Every structure is written in structure tokens, then in C-alpha cells.
Amino acid sequence: MLVEMTELLGRQVYTAEGRLLGEVENVVVDVEGAKIDGLYVDETNPLLVDESKPVNVPYRWVSAVNDVVLLKFFPKRVSLKRAPAKVPGREPATPIPAR
């Protein structure tokens, strides 16, 4: 069954375990390769993605497309990587040696 790109918009995306990730907001296209590269999910399930941040799901993770999109892979949890806060003009603290 062939599905047009525009038909993917608004479809619910489920993990292999049956958890709702969110809905397809947009489709990422590899223009040179003339193929779908990923599915952009804007409002994600906070149980799967920290702070419900948007994710781009690689299309190679898609198992099936019908009334919903079923993934064959998705990480158990997507966490945000945060760099330590830097204060402008201030050096990081130097540990005091033990006496």
C-alpha cells in the first residue's frame, strides 16, 4: 500500500510497545534521494520525551503505516542533555586541596 506524504500528517505515532508518541506534524524529505527521511512529531508524550520536546523520528524506524504509524524502534526515554551553566567573566571553582 502506497501512502502519499500528505496523508501522514496528523497520523498518530506508536512505539513497538504500543505507547503513543504523538502525531506527525511534518515530514522530513531527502530531496536528493527523493525519499522520506523522517517524521517530525511536535508535541510528544512526556513519558517518552523530556518536557514533551519535538523529535524527528528517522523513517527507518517505521515498521508500518496504515491508520496509525507503528515504529519498530524508539528509545525507552529521550532525555535532554544540558551543559553546566557558565557565568560570564567567572572561572569555574577550583577545589581546595585537603590538608
C-alpha atoms as a PDB file:
ATOM      1  CA  MET A   1       0.000   0.000   0.000  1.00  0.00           C
ATOM      2  CA  LEU A   2       1.458   3.326  -1.049  1.00  0.00           C
ATOM      3  CA  VAL A   3       0.824   6.355   1.127  1.00  0.00           C
ATOM      4  CA  GLU A   4       1.328   9.925  -0.026  1.00  0.00           C
ATOM      5  CA  MET A   5       3.401  12.188   2.202  1.00  0.00           C
ATOM      6  CA  THR A   6       0.491  14.491   2.959  1.00  0.00           C
ATOM      7  CA  GLU A   7      -1.543  11.525   4.197  1.00  0.00           C
ATOM      8  CA  LEU A   8       0.994  11.019   7.006  1.00  0.00           C
ATOM      9  CA  LEU A   9       0.240  14.421   8.529  1.00  0.00           C
ATOM     10  CA  GLY A  10      -1.874  14.129  11.655  1.00  0.00           C
ATOM     11  CA  ARG A  11      -1.451  10.358  12.000  1.00  0.00           C
ATOM     12  CA  GLN A  12      -0.728   9.067  15.473  1.00  0.00           C
ATOM     13  CA  VAL A  13       2.701   7.502  16.034  1.00  0.00           C
ATOM     14  CA  TYR A  14       3.002   4.484  18.350  1.00  0.00           C
ATOM     15  CA  THR A  15       6.080   2.714  19.677  1.00  0.00           C
ATOM     16  CA  ALA A  16       6.512  -1.045  19.263  1.00  0.00           C
ATOM     17  CA  GLU A  17       5.252  -1.388  22.861  1.00  0.00           C
ATOM     18  CA  GLY A  18       2.014   0.402  21.951  1.00  0.00           C
ATOM     19  CA  ARG A  19       2.785   3.742  23.626  1.00  0.00           C
ATOM     20  CA  LEU A  20       1.515   6.871  21.884  1.00  0.00           C
ATOM     21  CA  LEU A  21       4.457   9.118  20.975  1.00  0.00           C
ATOM     22  CA  GLY A  22       2.384  11.875  19.339  1.00  0.00           C
ATOM     23  CA  GLU A  23       1.089  12.946  15.931  1.00  0.00           C
ATOM     24  CA  VAL A  24       3.025  13.559  12.735  1.00  0.00           C
ATOM     25  CA  GLU A  25       3.316  17.327  12.372  1.00  0.00           C
ATOM     26  CA  ASN A  26       5.556  17.343   9.311  1.00  0.00           C
ATOM     27  CA  VAL A  27       7.549  15.064   7.022  1.00  0.00           C
ATOM     28  CA  VAL A  28      11.307  15.472   6.563  1.00  0.00           C
ATOM     29  CA  VAL A  29      12.316  14.765   2.953  1.00  0.00           C
ATOM     30  CA  ASP A  30      15.702  13.882   1.468  1.00  0.00           C
ATOM     31  CA  VAL A  31      15.303  15.839  -1.765  1.00  0.00           C
ATOM     32  CA  GLU A  32      18.429  14.464  -3.426  1.00  0.00           C
ATOM     33  CA  GLY A  33      17.476  10.866  -2.647  1.00  0.00           C
ATOM     34  CA  ALA A  34      13.772  11.524  -3.349  1.00  0.00           C
ATOM     35  CA  LYS A  35      12.687   9.720  -0.194  1.00  0.00           C
ATOM     36  CA  ILE A  36      11.204  10.362   3.235  1.00  0.00           C
ATOM     37  CA  ASP A  37      13.972  10.871   5.774  1.00  0.00           C
ATOM     38  CA  GLY A  38      11.935  11.289   8.962  1.00  0.00           C
ATOM     39  CA  LEU A  39       8.693  12.150  10.698  1.00  0.00           C
ATOM     40  CA  TYR A  40       8.581  15.324  12.792  1.00  0.00           C
ATOM     41  CA  VAL A  41       6.477  14.897  15.924  1.00  0.00           C
ATOM     42  CA  ASP A  42       5.908  18.274  17.605  1.00  0.00           C
ATOM     43  CA  GLU A  43       4.045  17.558  20.845  1.00  0.00           C
ATOM     44  CA  THR A  44       5.420  14.319  22.233  1.00  0.00           C
ATOM     45  CA  ASN A  45       4.361  12.125  25.125  1.00  0.00           C
ATOM     46  CA  PRO A  46       6.127  13.428  28.279  1.00  0.00           C
ATOM     47  CA  LEU A  47       6.522   9.828  29.472  1.00  0.00           C
ATOM     48  CA  LEU A  48       8.757   9.174  26.452  1.00  0.00           C
ATOM     49  CA  VAL A  49      10.428  12.570  25.808  1.00  0.00           C
ATOM     50  CA  ASP A  50      11.581  15.088  28.437  1.00  0.00           C
ATOM     51  CA  GLU A  51       9.416  18.205  28.538  1.00  0.00           C
ATOM     52  CA  SER A  52       7.391  16.940  25.540  1.00  0.00           C
ATOM     53  CA  LYS A  53      10.061  18.338  23.222  1.00  0.00           C
ATOM     54  CA  PRO A  54       9.654  17.785  19.460  1.00  0.00           C
ATOM     55  CA  VAL A  55      11.512  14.895  17.864  1.00  0.00           C
ATOM     56  CA  ASN A  56      12.421  13.847  14.340  1.00  0.00           C
ATOM     57  CA  VAL A  57      11.866  10.108  14.088  1.00  0.00           C
ATOM     58  CA  PRO A  58      14.088   8.545  11.406  1.00  0.00           C
ATOM     59  CA  TYR A  59      11.891   6.870   8.804  1.00  0.00           C
ATOM     60  CA  ARG A  60      13.996   3.712   9.013  1.00  0.00           C
ATOM     61  CA  TRP A  61      12.421   3.225  12.490  1.00  0.00           C
ATOM     62  CA  VAL A  62       8.938   2.979  10.931  1.00  0.00           C
ATOM     63  CA  SER A  63       7.569  -0.552  10.845  1.00  0.00           C
ATOM     64  CA  ALA A  64       4.132   0.040   9.308  1.00  0.00           C
ATOM     65  CA  VAL A  65       1.851   2.831   8.109  1.00  0.00           C
ATOM     66  CA  ASN A  66      -1.907   2.416   8.000  1.00  0.00           C
ATOM     67  CA  ASP A  67      -4.452   4.261  10.125  1.00  0.00           C
ATOM     68  CA  VAL A  68      -1.532   4.912  12.508  1.00  0.00           C
ATOM     69  CA  VAL A  69       2.250   4.864  12.223  1.00  0.00           C
ATOM     70  CA  LEU A  70       3.887   1.969  14.076  1.00  0.00           C
ATOM     71  CA  LEU A  71       7.549   2.179  14.995  1.00  0.00           C
ATOM     72  CA  LYS A  72       9.846  -0.830  15.205  1.00  0.00           C
ATOM     73  CA  PHE A  73      12.261   1.132  17.413  1.00  0.00           C
ATOM     74  CA  PHE A  74      12.124   4.101  19.758  1.00  0.00           C
ATOM     75  CA  PRO A  75      14.304   4.713  22.836  1.00  0.00           C
ATOM     76  CA  LYS A  76      12.661   3.935  26.186  1.00  0.00           C
ATOM     77  CA  ARG A  77      13.233   7.565  27.199  1.00  0.00           C
ATOM     78  CA  VAL A  78      14.640  10.623  25.403  1.00  0.00           C
ATOM     79  CA  SER A  79      16.423  12.944  27.824  1.00  0.00           C
ATOM     80  CA  LEU A  80      17.724  16.429  27.253  1.00  0.00           C
ATOM     81  CA  LYS A  81      21.455  16.908  27.560  1.00  0.00           C
ATOM     82  CA  ARG A  82      22.240  20.058  29.443  1.00  0.00           C
ATOM     83  CA  ALA A  83      25.621  21.705  29.639  1.00  0.00           C
ATOM     84  CA  PRO A  84      26.676  23.110  33.004  1.00  0.00           C
ATOM     85  CA  ALA A  85      25.698  26.741  33.396  1.00  0.00           C
ATOM     86  CA  LYS A  86      28.531  29.187  32.770  1.00  0.00           C
ATOM     87  CA  VAL A  87      28.632  32.598  34.352  1.00  0.00           C
ATOM     88  CA  PRO A  88      30.258  35.195  32.057  1.00  0.00           C
ATOM     89  CA  GLY A  89      33.539  36.548  33.419  1.00  0.00           C
ATOM     90  CA  ARG A  90      33.787  33.907  36.121  1.00  0.00           C
ATOM     91  CA  GLU A  91      36.140  30.926  36.177  1.00  0.00           C
ATOM     92  CA  PRO A  92      34.937  27.540  37.391  1.00  0.00           C
ATOM     93  CA  ALA A  93      35.594  26.855  41.064  1.00  0.00           C
ATOM     94  CA  THR A  94      38.927  25.242  41.901  1.00  0.00           C
ATOM     95  CA  PRO A  95      38.791  22.524  44.543  1.00  0.00           C
ATOM     96  CA  ILE A  96      40.670  23.285  47.777  1.00  0.00           C
ATOM     97  CA  PRO A  97      43.317  20.655  48.482  1.00  0.00           C
ATOM     98  CA  ALA A  98      42.857  18.605  51.663  1.00  0.00           C
ATOM     99  CA  ARG A  99      45.358  19.256  54.486  1.00  0.00           C
END
